[in-house]
Amino acid sequence: MTNLLLTHFLCHRSVTADSRSVAKNDLFFALRGDRFNGNEYASAAIDRGASLVVIDDEAVFHALDLTVLDVHNAGQPGPFKHKVDSGLVALQQLATAYRRTWQMPVVAITGSNGKTTTKELITSVLAMRYDTHATQGNYNNHIGVPLTMLSTPSDADICILEMGANHQGEIALLCRIGEPTHGLITNIGQAHLEGFGGREGIKKGKGEMFDWLGRNGGVGFVNQDQAELVELSQKLGQAIVFCESETPSMEVKYIEVGLLQTHPNCSIAFLDEQGEYLTADTHLPGKHNFENIKAAVAIGKYFKVPGHSIVSAIESYRPENGRSQMMTHRAVDFFWDAYNANPTSVKAALDAFVQSAHSKKVAILGEMLELGEETAHLHKEVAEYAKDLAINEIVLVGGAYQAVATALGIRHFADSELLSAWFWTQDWDTSLVFVKGSRSVALENILK
């Protein structure tokens, strides 16, 4: 069955699971979710020009008046129908079958924090020398990874796959689908504690990437400055180690990167392939972003991207999509980092924020999700952490912060709509407003 789909895919090279985005000759996979059944949209996909609908609903399959895909018509314009046991599994299996036709390296990236920024930095660096295809946005789950793979041109030089997870076993699954040759774990932090079952569960879950690479002869990139990653790396057969150093040297076996400053943005130094001392000024603030930059330099050097090209890539990269983003809206300056939040990332971003030269600093903290039994404790911990910093005003948003806001005497709003109504009645002249919270809090309502 997979070979049949692969034959058809190789003739048309475009896959979607969204009937609204179907273009002529696309392969449409009918996927199921808690609130939708993609099989119901198979007919609409055909109307939009799909060459094939892959269905796992017997009744829908028989109701469609279409030719069944077989070895004689695979690759033809169609339209055809094809029955599978699971549309999702069929999509994943097709992605793996296509991946096995590649000769290119596949670099996988996971971790609790910084995955997307690190992926974008690495992509920028590798694109200076290679035709590089990477995950778009945070399309990093059991659906997004196979779709990213199936959108990768077969003649690309490198594929970069971001892999996200909130339970043990998910990174192992994504590695089985993507079969990476190289991998990086950015860090082990306090994200998705509820799903992983605590910090040890997070370490085990993220470590599944190094487990895969170790069993399959892959190469792992290891940040020596993080003890938990060094521990996990013991399962690797091949490890490329990188670290921070005040005096980068060609004499050591590690890849060394120097940190010159973190404010207003990170400046770094490293030695190029000839031993020339190079510096780079980035648009990313804070020590936590240095960790992301350091990984991009190390992977660039490993893949023999010239040092001056690495400098150009990281200097030209500008954060967007609500990640460490400096922006001005309605004459108010924002340090916008509200794409998502967990205790580790909030503290790291606050550390960068308080170094600002603005005379007044305001921190808006939205509640953090998926923390399980640690929810109350960790929200209290973060609020107290913020209160100990040089911040003029703290505003907490969401139910998880209500009790600690009352206890500490901090302004609190139940949701972002109430926050926004208050926010724009205030005078924020000379202020820098820090914004961070989990996506569901919808702090972007402030920008309306």
Protein backbone atom coordinates (compact mmCIF):
# COMPACT_ATOMS: atom_id res chain seq x y z
CA MET A 1 0.00 0.00 0.00
CA THR A 2 2.78 2.47 0.93
CA ASN A 3 4.65 1.77 -2.33
CA LEU A 4 1.47 2.52 -4.26
CA LEU A 5 1.07 5.87 -2.51
CA LEU A 6 4.75 6.64 -3.01
CA THR A 7 4.50 5.98 -6.74
CA HIS A 8 1.57 8.37 -7.00
CA PHE A 9 3.21 10.97 -4.76
CA LEU A 10 6.46 10.99 -6.75
CA CYS A 11 4.46 12.02 -9.82
CA HIS A 12 2.59 14.88 -8.13
CA ARG A 13 4.74 15.95 -5.13
CA SER A 14 2.10 17.79 -3.14
CA VAL A 15 0.21 16.61 -0.06
CA THR A 16 -2.33 18.28 2.20
CA ALA A 17 -4.65 17.31 5.03
CA ASP A 18 -6.71 20.51 4.72
CA SER A 19 -9.43 20.36 2.09
CA ARG A 20 -9.53 24.17 2.00
CA SER A 21 -5.95 24.35 0.70
CA VAL A 22 -6.18 21.63 -1.95
CA ALA A 23 -4.62 22.58 -5.29
CA LYS A 24 -4.76 20.75 -8.59
CA ASN A 25 -3.27 17.22 -8.44
CA ASP A 26 -2.72 17.29 -4.65
CA LEU A 27 -2.90 14.13 -2.56
CA PHE A 28 -5.50 14.68 0.16
CA PHE A 29 -5.23 12.67 3.39
CA ALA A 30 -8.42 12.46 5.43
CA LEU A 31 -7.33 12.77 9.06
CA ARG A 32 -9.47 12.46 12.17
CA GLY A 33 -9.39 14.61 15.29
CA ASP A 34 -11.41 15.06 18.46
CA ARG A 35 -13.67 17.57 16.70
CA PHE A 36 -13.38 16.75 13.02
CA ASN A 37 -13.38 13.89 10.55
CA GLY A 38 -11.43 14.63 7.39
CA ASN A 39 -13.27 11.90 5.53
CA GLU A 40 -16.27 14.21 5.40
CA TYR A 41 -14.28 16.61 3.21
CA ALA A 42 -12.97 14.10 0.68
CA SER A 43 -15.58 15.11 -1.87
CA ALA A 44 -14.70 18.79 -1.45
CA ALA A 45 -11.03 17.93 -1.99
CA ILE A 46 -11.93 16.24 -5.29
CA ASP A 47 -13.95 19.28 -6.34
CA ARG A 48 -10.88 21.43 -5.73
CA GLY A 49 -8.75 19.27 -8.02
CA ALA A 50 -7.16 16.59 -5.81
CA SER A 51 -5.69 13.71 -7.80
CA LEU A 52 -6.16 11.29 -4.89
CA VAL A 53 -8.13 11.12 -1.65
CA VAL A 54 -6.79 8.78 1.02
CA ILE A 55 -9.71 7.67 3.20
CA ASP A 56 -10.11 5.51 6.32
CA ASP A 57 -13.92 5.56 6.45
CA GLU A 58 -15.53 2.58 4.72
CA ALA A 59 -18.87 4.31 4.10
CA VAL A 60 -17.28 7.43 2.60
CA PHE A 61 -14.97 5.33 0.46
CA HIS A 62 -17.84 3.41 -1.12
CA ALA A 63 -19.99 6.52 -1.50
CA LEU A 64 -17.40 8.27 -3.67
CA ASP A 65 -17.89 7.52 -7.35
CA LEU A 66 -14.17 7.37 -8.15
CA THR A 67 -11.69 4.91 -9.60
CA VAL A 68 -9.68 3.01 -6.99
CA LEU A 69 -5.95 3.67 -7.04
CA ASP A 70 -3.99 0.61 -8.18
CA VAL A 71 -0.64 -0.33 -9.73
CA HIS A 72 -1.94 0.38 -13.21
CA ASN A 73 -3.09 3.97 -12.69
CA ALA A 74 -0.80 5.23 -9.87
CA GLY A 75 0.78 8.48 -10.99
CA GLN A 76 -1.96 9.32 -13.47
CA PRO A 77 -3.99 12.55 -13.06
CA GLY A 78 -6.99 10.82 -11.51
CA PRO A 79 -8.96 11.60 -9.49
CA PHE A 80 -8.68 8.36 -7.53
CA LYS A 81 -9.66 7.07 -4.11
CA HIS A 82 -7.59 4.88 -1.80
CA LYS A 83 -8.74 3.10 1.38
CA VAL A 84 -6.41 2.72 4.38
CA ASP A 85 -6.85 1.62 7.98
CA SER A 86 -5.68 5.00 9.30
CA GLY A 87 -5.20 8.19 7.33
CA LEU A 88 -2.65 9.45 9.87
CA VAL A 89 -0.56 6.27 9.82
CA ALA A 90 -0.69 6.22 6.01
CA LEU A 91 0.57 9.82 5.93
CA GLN A 92 3.42 9.00 8.31
CA GLN A 93 4.37 5.86 6.41
CA LEU A 94 4.41 7.72 3.11
CA ALA A 95 6.71 10.36 4.61
CA THR A 96 9.11 7.67 5.82
CA ALA A 97 9.05 5.89 2.46
CA TYR A 98 9.83 9.19 0.70
CA ARG A 99 12.58 9.98 3.22
CA ARG A 100 14.27 6.67 2.34
CA THR A 101 14.73 7.92 -1.23
CA TRP A 102 16.93 10.79 0.02
CA GLN A 103 20.69 10.97 0.25
CA MET A 104 20.66 14.25 2.23
CA PRO A 105 21.37 14.64 5.96
CA VAL A 106 18.29 15.03 8.15
CA VAL A 107 18.89 17.26 11.18
CA ALA A 108 16.30 16.95 13.96
CA ILE A 109 15.85 19.50 16.74
CA THR A 110 13.94 19.08 19.99
CA GLY A 111 14.06 20.48 23.53
CA SER A 112 11.92 22.22 26.11
CA ASN A 113 12.70 25.78 24.99
CA GLY A 114 14.17 27.54 21.99
CA LYS A 115 13.39 24.88 19.38
CA THR A 116 11.94 27.20 16.78
CA THR A 117 14.48 30.02 17.21
CA THR A 118 17.34 27.51 17.09
CA LYS A 119 15.83 25.84 14.02
CA GLU A 120 15.54 29.18 12.25
CA LEU A 121 19.10 30.17 13.15
CA ILE A 122 20.47 26.82 11.99
CA THR A 123 18.46 27.06 8.78
CA SER A 124 19.82 30.56 8.13
CA VAL A 125 23.39 29.36 8.70
CA LEU A 126 23.18 26.19 6.61
CA ALA A 127 21.36 28.02 3.80
CA MET A 128 24.52 30.06 3.28
CA ARG A 129 26.08 26.98 1.67
CA TYR A 130 23.33 24.42 1.09
CA ASP A 131 19.87 24.17 -0.41
CA THR A 132 18.10 23.76 2.92
CA HIS A 133 14.49 22.82 3.63
CA ALA A 134 13.12 23.21 7.16
CA THR A 135 9.97 22.98 9.24
CA GLN A 136 7.79 26.03 8.72
CA GLY A 137 6.68 27.78 11.91
CA ASN A 138 6.21 25.18 14.64
CA TYR A 139 4.84 22.44 12.37
CA ASN A 140 6.55 19.97 14.63
CA ASN A 141 4.13 17.23 15.70
CA HIS A 142 3.01 13.82 14.42
CA ILE A 143 1.18 15.54 11.55
CA GLY A 144 3.48 18.48 10.93
CA VAL A 145 6.68 16.44 10.69
CA PRO A 146 5.46 14.12 7.90
CA LEU A 147 3.93 17.07 6.03
CA THR A 148 7.26 18.91 6.28
CA MET A 149 9.07 15.87 4.94
CA LEU A 150 6.65 15.48 2.05
CA SER A 151 7.15 19.14 1.11
CA THR A 152 10.94 18.71 0.98
CA PRO A 153 12.36 18.74 -2.56
CA SER A 154 14.20 15.51 -3.31
CA ASP A 155 17.18 17.50 -4.59
CA ALA A 156 17.59 19.58 -1.41
CA ASP A 157 20.94 19.31 0.35
CA ILE A 158 19.73 19.22 3.97
CA CYS A 159 16.37 18.75 5.68
CA ILE A 160 15.82 20.25 9.15
CA LEU A 161 12.97 18.86 11.24
CA GLU A 162 11.74 20.52 14.41
CA MET A 163 10.23 17.92 16.75
CA GLY A 164 7.88 18.87 19.58
CA ALA A 165 6.31 16.66 22.23
CA ASN A 166 4.32 16.82 25.44
CA HIS A 167 4.43 13.10 26.37
CA GLN A 168 7.05 10.39 26.54
CA GLY A 169 7.24 8.34 23.37
CA GLU A 170 6.42 11.17 20.98
CA ILE A 171 10.02 12.05 20.07
CA ALA A 172 10.71 8.35 19.53
CA LEU A 173 7.74 8.22 17.12
CA LEU A 174 8.89 11.32 15.25
CA CYS A 175 12.38 9.89 14.93
CA ARG A 176 10.95 6.68 13.48
CA ILE A 177 9.06 8.77 10.95
CA GLY A 178 11.87 11.18 10.07
CA GLU A 179 14.87 8.88 10.57
CA PRO A 180 17.28 11.74 11.38
CA THR A 181 20.98 11.39 10.73
CA HIS A 182 21.87 14.26 13.09
CA GLY A 183 20.13 15.67 16.14
CA LEU A 184 20.18 18.44 18.74
CA ILE A 185 18.40 18.76 22.09
CA THR A 186 18.30 22.45 22.99
CA ASN A 187 17.71 21.98 26.73
CA ILE A 188 15.68 20.22 29.42
CA GLY A 189 13.24 22.66 31.03
CA GLN A 190 9.91 22.86 32.85
CA ALA A 191 7.64 22.50 29.82
CA HIS A 192 4.71 20.04 29.62
CA LEU A 193 5.42 18.73 33.12
CA GLU A 194 1.93 17.27 33.31
CA GLY A 195 2.22 15.19 30.16
CA PHE A 196 5.79 14.03 30.74
CA GLY A 197 5.26 13.19 34.40
CA GLY A 198 7.79 15.57 35.93
CA ARG A 199 11.30 16.70 35.09
CA GLU A 200 12.76 13.19 34.88
CA GLY A 201 10.00 12.33 32.45
CA ILE A 202 10.93 15.36 30.35
CA LYS A 203 14.56 14.31 30.30
CA LYS A 204 13.64 10.78 29.28
CA GLY A 205 11.21 12.03 26.61
CA LYS A 206 13.60 14.52 25.02
CA GLY A 207 16.43 12.00 25.37
CA GLU A 208 14.58 9.69 22.98
CA MET A 209 16.29 11.61 20.17
CA PHE A 210 19.77 10.67 21.38
CA ASP A 211 18.49 7.13 21.96
CA TRP A 212 17.47 6.95 18.29
CA LEU A 213 20.74 8.43 17.02
CA GLY A 214 22.76 6.11 19.23
CA ARG A 215 20.98 3.00 17.94
CA ASN A 216 21.13 4.08 14.32
CA GLY A 217 24.65 5.44 13.92
CA GLY A 218 23.60 9.09 13.96
CA VAL A 219 25.47 12.19 15.14
CA GLY A 220 24.31 14.17 18.17
CA PHE A 221 25.23 17.78 18.87
CA VAL A 222 25.81 18.20 22.61
CA ASN A 223 25.92 21.45 24.56
CA GLN A 224 28.61 20.71 27.13
CA ASP A 225 27.44 23.59 29.31
CA GLN A 226 24.24 21.72 30.20
CA ALA A 227 24.94 18.76 32.47
CA GLU A 228 21.68 16.96 31.71
CA LEU A 229 22.46 16.95 27.99
CA VAL A 230 25.95 15.64 28.63
CA GLU A 231 24.38 12.83 30.67
CA LEU A 232 21.93 11.98 27.88
CA SER A 233 24.71 12.04 25.31
CA GLN A 234 26.30 8.92 26.81
CA LYS A 235 23.99 6.90 24.57
CA LEU A 236 25.45 8.49 21.43
CA GLY A 237 28.04 6.71 19.36
CA GLN A 238 29.04 9.97 17.68
CA ALA A 239 28.88 13.26 19.55
CA ILE A 240 29.89 16.75 18.43
CA VAL A 241 30.42 18.77 21.59
CA PHE A 242 30.20 22.56 21.76
CA CYS A 243 30.53 24.97 24.65
CA GLU A 244 31.03 28.54 25.77
CA SER A 245 34.59 29.80 26.13
CA GLU A 246 36.10 33.20 26.88
CA THR A 247 39.07 32.30 24.69
CA PRO A 248 38.00 30.10 21.74
CA SER A 249 40.86 27.90 20.62
CA MET A 250 41.69 25.61 17.72
CA GLU A 251 43.61 23.35 20.11
CA VAL A 252 40.62 21.81 21.87
CA LYS A 253 38.39 19.07 20.48
CA TYR A 254 35.21 20.99 21.26
CA ILE A 255 33.62 23.74 19.19
CA GLU A 256 33.93 26.87 21.32
CA VAL A 257 31.87 30.05 21.14
CA GLY A 258 32.51 33.18 23.19
CA LEU A 259 29.82 35.42 24.67
CA LEU A 260 30.82 39.08 24.48
CA GLN A 261 27.55 40.62 25.70
CA THR A 262 23.87 39.81 26.16
CA HIS A 263 22.42 43.35 26.17
CA PRO A 264 20.89 45.00 24.29
CA ASN A 265 21.49 41.93 22.10
CA CYS A 266 23.95 39.06 22.11
CA SER A 267 27.38 39.55 20.60
CA ILE A 268 29.47 36.43 20.13
CA ALA A 269 32.91 35.32 18.96
CA PHE A 270 34.35 32.15 17.45
CA LEU A 271 37.24 30.96 15.34
CA ASP A 272 36.66 30.19 11.69
CA GLU A 273 38.11 27.26 9.76
CA GLN A 274 41.49 29.04 9.42
CA GLY A 275 41.59 30.09 13.06
CA GLU A 276 40.57 33.70 12.39
CA TYR A 277 38.79 35.36 15.32
CA LEU A 278 35.35 36.45 14.18
CA THR A 279 32.66 38.41 16.01
CA ALA A 280 28.96 38.74 15.32
CA ASP A 281 26.31 41.14 16.62
CA THR A 282 22.86 39.55 16.68
CA HIS A 283 19.29 40.79 17.10
CA LEU A 284 18.60 38.35 19.94
CA PRO A 285 18.80 39.45 23.60
CA GLY A 286 19.68 37.41 26.68
CA LYS A 287 21.80 34.49 27.76
CA HIS A 288 19.07 32.03 26.78
CA ASN A 289 19.32 33.17 23.18
CA PHE A 290 23.09 32.79 23.30
CA GLU A 291 22.46 29.07 23.82
CA ASN A 292 20.46 29.01 20.58
CA ILE A 293 23.10 31.01 18.70
CA LYS A 294 25.89 28.80 20.06
CA ALA A 295 24.18 25.70 18.66
CA ALA A 296 23.78 27.34 15.23
CA VAL A 297 27.48 28.25 15.12
CA ALA A 298 28.49 24.72 16.13
CA ILE A 299 26.28 23.03 13.54
CA GLY A 300 27.38 25.50 10.87
CA LYS A 301 31.03 24.74 11.59
CA TYR A 302 30.38 21.00 11.58
CA PHE A 303 28.80 21.24 8.13
CA LYS A 304 31.73 23.38 6.94
CA VAL A 305 29.86 26.62 6.39
CA PRO A 306 32.56 29.32 6.09
CA GLY A 307 32.94 31.39 9.24
CA HIS A 308 32.16 34.71 7.56
CA SER A 309 28.97 33.17 6.16
CA ILE A 310 27.96 32.05 9.66
CA VAL A 311 28.46 35.62 10.86
CA SER A 312 26.33 36.99 8.01
CA ALA A 313 23.56 34.49 8.71
CA ILE A 314 23.20 35.10 12.43
CA GLU A 315 23.59 38.88 12.08
CA SER A 316 20.83 39.03 9.48
CA TYR A 317 18.40 36.86 11.47
CA ARG A 318 15.65 38.85 13.14
CA PRO A 319 13.19 37.23 15.57
CA GLU A 320 9.52 37.32 14.70
CA ASN A 321 6.26 35.53 15.48
CA GLY A 322 6.34 36.67 19.10
CA ARG A 323 9.75 35.29 20.06
CA SER A 324 12.18 37.74 21.73
CA GLN A 325 10.74 40.40 19.45
CA MET A 326 11.27 44.13 20.04
CA MET A 327 8.36 46.04 18.55
CA THR A 328 6.42 49.28 18.85
CA HIS A 329 2.61 49.34 18.69
CA ARG A 330 0.49 52.46 19.17
CA ALA A 331 3.61 54.30 20.40
CA VAL A 332 4.28 51.70 23.13
CA ASP A 333 7.56 49.74 23.13
CA PHE A 334 7.13 46.00 23.66
CA PHE A 335 9.51 43.16 24.44
CA TRP A 336 7.18 40.58 22.91
CA ASP A 337 7.86 36.95 23.78
CA ALA A 338 4.33 35.59 24.02
CA TYR A 339 4.45 32.70 21.58
CA ASN A 340 4.43 30.29 24.53
CA ALA A 341 5.59 30.03 28.12
CA ASN A 342 6.87 27.70 30.80
CA PRO A 343 8.70 28.54 34.05
CA THR A 344 12.16 28.05 32.55
CA SER A 345 11.53 30.22 29.51
CA VAL A 346 9.75 32.95 31.48
CA LYS A 347 12.64 33.38 33.92
CA ALA A 348 15.22 33.41 31.12
CA ALA A 349 13.28 36.01 29.15
CA LEU A 350 12.76 38.17 32.25
CA ASP A 351 16.50 38.13 32.87
CA ALA A 352 17.04 39.55 29.37
CA PHE A 353 14.19 42.05 29.70
CA VAL A 354 15.41 43.71 32.91
CA GLN A 355 18.69 44.68 31.22
CA SER A 356 16.81 47.17 29.05
CA ALA A 357 17.81 50.83 29.26
CA HIS A 358 14.17 51.98 29.40
CA SER A 359 13.45 54.05 32.48
CA LYS A 360 10.27 52.12 33.31
CA LYS A 361 9.75 48.37 32.97
CA VAL A 362 6.38 46.63 32.98
CA ALA A 363 5.99 42.82 32.92
CA ILE A 364 2.74 41.20 31.80
CA LEU A 365 2.79 37.48 32.61
CA GLY A 366 0.10 35.16 31.30
CA GLU A 367 -0.57 31.84 32.98
CA MET A 368 1.43 28.76 31.98
CA LEU A 369 -0.31 25.53 31.01
CA GLU A 370 0.40 21.78 31.27
CA LEU A 371 2.22 22.01 34.60
CA GLY A 372 0.06 19.42 36.36
CA GLU A 373 0.38 19.17 40.12
CA GLU A 374 3.12 21.83 40.05
CA THR A 375 0.79 24.51 38.62
CA ALA A 376 0.19 26.54 41.80
CA HIS A 377 3.76 26.21 43.07
CA LEU A 378 5.40 27.17 39.76
CA HIS A 379 3.14 30.18 39.18
CA LYS A 380 4.02 31.41 42.67
CA GLU A 381 7.70 30.78 41.96
CA VAL A 382 7.63 32.78 38.72
CA ALA A 383 5.66 35.66 40.26
CA GLU A 384 8.10 35.88 43.17
CA TYR A 385 11.03 35.72 40.74
CA ALA A 386 9.62 38.65 38.77
CA LYS A 387 8.92 40.64 41.93
CA ASP A 388 12.59 40.35 42.99
CA LEU A 389 13.74 41.92 39.72
CA ALA A 390 14.01 45.61 38.86
CA ILE A 391 10.52 45.82 37.38
CA ASN A 392 8.28 48.82 38.04
CA GLU A 393 4.97 47.05 37.57
CA ILE A 394 3.93 43.42 37.21
CA VAL A 395 0.57 42.35 35.79
CA LEU A 396 -0.61 38.74 36.02
CA VAL A 397 -3.21 37.25 33.69
CA GLY A 398 -5.27 34.05 33.98
CA GLY A 399 -6.80 31.88 36.67
CA ALA A 400 -3.59 30.11 37.65
CA TYR A 401 -2.11 33.42 38.80
CA GLN A 402 -5.13 34.63 40.79
CA ALA A 403 -4.16 33.27 44.22
CA VAL A 404 -0.54 34.38 44.07
CA ALA A 405 -1.57 37.82 42.76
CA THR A 406 -3.79 38.29 45.82
CA ALA A 407 -1.09 37.01 48.17
CA LEU A 408 1.64 39.25 46.74
CA GLY A 409 -0.53 42.28 46.03
CA ILE A 410 0.06 42.17 42.27
CA ARG A 411 -2.43 43.48 39.72
CA HIS A 412 -4.39 40.62 38.14
CA PHE A 413 -6.83 40.13 35.28
CA ALA A 414 -8.86 37.02 34.58
CA ASP A 415 -8.26 37.15 30.83
CA SER A 416 -6.55 39.13 28.08
CA GLU A 417 -9.70 41.03 27.07
CA LEU A 418 -9.95 42.60 30.53
CA LEU A 419 -6.21 43.24 30.48
CA SER A 420 -6.42 45.02 27.12
CA ALA A 421 -9.32 47.22 28.25
CA TRP A 422 -7.24 48.43 31.20
CA PHE A 423 -3.90 48.54 29.39
CA TRP A 424 -4.80 51.18 26.83
CA THR A 425 -6.11 53.57 29.49
CA GLN A 426 -2.62 53.84 31.02
CA ASP A 427 0.33 56.08 30.19
CA TRP A 428 3.26 53.95 29.02
CA ASP A 429 5.56 56.79 27.99
CA THR A 430 9.26 55.79 28.47
CA SER A 431 8.15 52.22 29.36
CA LEU A 432 9.18 48.89 27.90
CA VAL A 433 6.40 46.34 28.27
CA PHE A 434 7.39 42.68 28.53
CA VAL A 435 4.70 40.19 27.46
CA LYS A 436 4.89 36.42 27.90
CA GLY A 437 2.33 33.67 28.45
CA SER A 438 0.96 30.42 27.06
CA ARG A 439 -0.73 30.65 23.67
CA SER A 440 -4.21 29.97 25.00
CA VAL A 441 -4.09 33.15 27.10
CA ALA A 442 -4.17 35.11 23.80
CA LEU A 443 -2.07 38.01 25.03
CA GLU A 444 -1.95 39.24 21.44
CA ASN A 445 -5.34 40.80 22.19
CA ILE A 446 -3.35 43.71 23.59
CA LEU A 447 -2.26 44.53 20.03
CA LYS A 448 -5.78 45.03 18.70
